Amino acid sequence: MKLKLTQLPVNGLYGDLAKGVSASYAALIDQKLIVAGGANFPGKLGFEGGSKTFYNEIMLYDSTGNEWKLIGHLPDSSAYGVSVPISDGALWIGGNTTSQSLKSVYRITMPETGAVELEPFPELPAAMDNFAGCTVGDMVFIGGGNENGKPANTFYCINTKADSGWTALPDFPGLPRVQPVLAAVEQKNRVFVYLFGGFFGGDSENKPAMATDVLRYDVTTEKWETAGCQVDEKTGEPFSLTGATAMPVDNRYILCFGGVNHAIFLDAVTTQYNIGNDTSISAEEKSRLNLEFSKNYMTQPIEYYKFNPECRIFDTFTGEWETIEVTPYTARAGATLAFSGKTFYAVQGELKPGVRTPVTIKGEIKYEK
């Protein structure tokens, strides 16, 4: 399995959108790429006194003119939701704005008029952001992330053709996972949903952790089990899929790319956790230490953060990993994946904390004998 990767032009991205966003919504409908929302820091970073900006623009990539065009707006300026394909369009699910997490869900279609239509869909059972989702046919599965503002182990599904609401499925085991990845395969008329990556920022009982065990949910038996571990096949070292993207291939493989570096990200989260939970220092001292940490951590060159350049496939038959490509093109966190068949688009995302790229990568999966 090989990947043919190309960069889309950024022509037509205007204003602060031209700086790139992360955690946008995306859909590939009739081979037309639509991207909406997202967030970035258009001015100063947070520790410098800047603030994160959310967007509501819906942009279409015009492959004929090789440029982006504005075709509509979201009801809210938002990001950090889930985008999944369904048989009659796509769903854009949850996310958050500058002030709140969202329960809203929209079905996205593109009639022959060329306009984009957002149809309200059954709301989520709780406000959710930084979670994951996937589909098999008309079945949509979502889980993890923040639920009503707290890291969660919850897992839900909906049949987009038959159900009027979301159904709670058994929680996944272990610690909650924020920014995980979900992908599903159908084998011998049975559906399996795979959960990768994610992190937990710590609480009063548990220290921060990066999830490296691969969990599998059997839709038939309604049970979770461990299906593998995120360990590099050559170095034997654990790797992260927090903030990564994934898609199924041939109902056997799951292609994963991007995400933060395991050791560097865990060290950063742990440092902030230790500062916040140190009872021997004052609130003022904690603020000073956090600012000092941010000034150092947020201002390193892109190479320092070592976002994953590996494109890896997980073999659901054997539980083993193989790296099929190493490229800076996909070394991003918070990109959004839209795919159909063997074609995919990795939409923008972070090159390092606080810094986005406006470039979308088009990928085609090829086989070589």
Foldseek 3Di string as FASTA:
>chain_A
DAKDKDWQDAAPQDDLCQLPFFQWEWAQAPNKIKTAKGKFFSDDDVLVPTDIAIAFWIWIQDPVVSYIDTQDGHPARFGQFEWEAEPAAIKTAWTAHPPGTFFWMWGWHQPPVRHIDTHTAATAPFRFGQWEWYDDHQKIKIAFADTRRHTFQWIWIDRRVDDRHIDTADGEDDDTFGQWYWEWFADPNWIKIKIFWGWDLDDPVGHIDIAFWIWIATPVVSDIDTQAGQADPPPRHHFGQRQKYWYDAPRFKIKIFWDWGHPVVSVLSRVLVCLVPPPVDDPVVSVVVVSVSCVVQVPDDLVVGCIFQFTWMQGSVRRDIDTRDGHLLRHFGRWHWYDDHQKIKGAWHHSGVNGIHRIIMIMGDDDDD
